[in-house]
Amino acid sequence: MERFVSKYLKTKLKDGFLYLSKDGVYFNQKNLGPLADYFYFVHAGMRIGTIKGNSFTPTHHLFWCLENTENISVLQLSLEQWTAIQNNKKPVFEVTDGYYALSYGRGVVGVCSVEK
């Protein structure tokens, strides 16, 4: 998980704690470990991704847990690209392989992986 953040997003997570459950990886700024003896957590913070085998797949919430977001690649969708997608047409992107914060309008709408 931390290798993924370092390698693909060129930053690190904020100070906090990671919790692994059967449905994902969660980030919390509080150490909930001692409470696990008394409670079953439905969610232990913000779900930032899932792990299948040795592969980590991020959610867009991961971006809220990063220490520095200045170096993160952002793929800003234009109105033309958004319209093409809505009409089931393939938009043109000038990007390289990697992970991007996908943005349209005022904020991040998701995380995308580009492989050419």
Protein backbone atom coordinates (compact mmCIF):
# COMPACT_ATOMS: atom_id res chain seq x y z
CA MET A 1 0.00 0.00 0.00
CA GLU A 2 2.70 2.47 1.00
CA ARG A 3 4.85 1.29 -1.95
CA PHE A 4 1.94 2.09 -4.26
CA VAL A 5 1.60 5.62 -2.87
CA SER A 6 5.34 6.24 -3.07
CA LYS A 7 5.81 4.76 -6.56
CA TYR A 8 2.73 6.01 -8.40
CA LEU A 9 1.74 9.16 -6.52
CA LYS A 10 5.25 10.34 -5.49
CA THR A 11 4.22 11.19 -1.93
CA LYS A 12 3.30 9.42 1.31
CA LEU A 13 0.28 9.01 3.56
CA LYS A 14 -0.48 11.48 6.34
CA ASP A 15 0.29 10.28 9.85
CA GLY A 16 -2.34 7.75 10.76
CA PHE A 17 -3.21 4.09 10.93
CA LEU A 18 -4.13 1.55 8.26
CA TYR A 19 -6.71 -1.15 8.88
CA LEU A 20 -7.27 -4.11 6.62
CA SER A 21 -10.69 -5.73 6.49
CA LYS A 22 -12.24 -8.25 4.14
CA ASP A 23 -13.72 -5.47 2.00
CA GLY A 24 -10.86 -2.99 1.86
CA VAL A 25 -8.08 -0.91 3.32
CA TYR A 26 -9.08 1.87 5.71
CA PHE A 27 -7.20 4.93 6.95
CA ASN A 28 -7.86 6.57 10.30
CA GLN A 29 -5.93 9.25 12.16
CA LYS A 30 -6.76 7.49 15.45
CA ASN A 31 -5.37 4.18 16.65
CA LEU A 32 -8.44 1.99 16.93
CA GLY A 33 -6.44 -1.15 17.67
CA PRO A 34 -7.18 -1.32 21.41
CA LEU A 35 -10.91 -0.86 20.76
CA ALA A 36 -11.01 -3.92 18.49
CA ASP A 37 -11.10 -6.14 21.60
CA TYR A 38 -14.47 -4.60 22.52
CA PHE A 39 -16.11 -3.62 19.25
CA TYR A 40 -16.61 -4.95 15.74
CA PHE A 41 -15.96 -2.11 13.31
CA VAL A 42 -18.19 -1.98 10.27
CA HIS A 43 -15.83 0.73 8.99
CA ALA A 44 -12.59 1.75 10.65
CA GLY A 45 -12.14 5.12 8.99
CA MET A 46 -12.02 6.10 5.35
CA ARG A 47 -11.89 3.32 2.75
CA ILE A 48 -8.88 4.11 0.57
CA GLY A 49 -8.66 0.96 -1.52
CA THR A 50 -8.82 -2.80 -1.87
CA ILE A 51 -6.19 -5.52 -1.97
CA LYS A 52 -6.46 -8.59 -4.19
CA GLY A 53 -3.42 -10.83 -4.04
CA ASN A 54 -0.40 -8.53 -4.24
CA SER A 55 -2.31 -5.77 -6.03
CA PHE A 56 -3.66 -2.57 -4.44
CA THR A 57 -6.50 -0.70 -6.16
CA PRO A 58 -7.10 2.83 -4.81
CA THR A 59 -10.36 4.70 -4.29
CA HIS A 60 -10.57 8.45 -4.76
CA HIS A 61 -10.66 8.82 -0.96
CA LEU A 62 -6.96 7.93 -0.94
CA PHE A 63 -6.19 11.42 -2.24
CA TRP A 64 -7.64 12.97 0.93
CA CYS A 65 -5.15 10.98 3.04
CA LEU A 66 -1.95 12.04 1.29
CA GLU A 67 0.64 14.27 2.88
CA ASN A 68 1.50 16.20 -0.27
CA THR A 69 -0.66 16.35 -3.36
CA GLU A 70 1.44 18.75 -5.45
CA ASN A 71 3.15 15.97 -7.46
CA ILE A 72 0.04 13.92 -8.19
CA SER A 73 -0.87 13.65 -11.84
CA VAL A 74 -4.35 14.99 -12.52
CA LEU A 75 -6.31 14.17 -15.63
CA GLN A 76 -8.68 17.13 -16.05
CA LEU A 77 -11.58 16.22 -18.32
CA SER A 78 -12.72 18.96 -20.68
CA LEU A 79 -16.36 19.44 -21.61
CA GLU A 80 -15.63 17.91 -25.02
CA GLN A 81 -14.04 14.80 -23.45
CA TRP A 82 -16.90 14.48 -20.95
CA THR A 83 -19.48 14.78 -23.75
CA ALA A 84 -17.65 12.16 -25.84
CA ILE A 85 -17.71 9.74 -22.91
CA GLN A 86 -21.42 10.39 -22.32
CA ASN A 87 -22.07 9.60 -26.00
CA ASN A 88 -20.06 6.35 -25.87
CA LYS A 89 -17.24 7.78 -27.98
CA LYS A 90 -13.58 7.45 -27.14
CA PRO A 91 -12.09 10.81 -26.10
CA VAL A 92 -8.52 11.79 -26.94
CA PHE A 93 -6.08 12.10 -24.02
CA GLU A 94 -2.46 13.23 -24.11
CA VAL A 95 -1.19 11.22 -21.13
CA THR A 96 1.37 8.55 -20.32
CA ASP A 97 0.88 5.28 -18.43
CA GLY A 98 0.17 5.58 -14.73
CA TYR A 99 -2.43 6.51 -12.13
CA TYR A 100 -4.28 9.81 -12.21
CA ALA A 101 -6.73 11.74 -10.11
CA LEU A 102 -9.61 12.08 -12.56
CA SER A 103 -11.11 15.54 -12.34
CA TYR A 104 -14.09 17.20 -13.97
CA GLY A 105 -15.45 20.57 -12.98
CA ARG A 106 -14.54 21.45 -9.42
CA GLY A 107 -13.12 18.26 -7.99
CA VAL A 108 -11.82 14.73 -8.16
CA VAL A 109 -14.45 12.30 -9.42
CA GLY A 110 -12.32 9.19 -9.22
CA VAL A 111 -9.00 7.48 -9.75
CA CYS A 112 -8.03 6.11 -13.13
CA SER A 113 -5.26 3.95 -14.49
CA VAL A 114 -3.95 4.59 -17.98
CA GLU A 115 -2.22 1.81 -19.91
CA LYS A 116 -1.41 2.32 -23.57
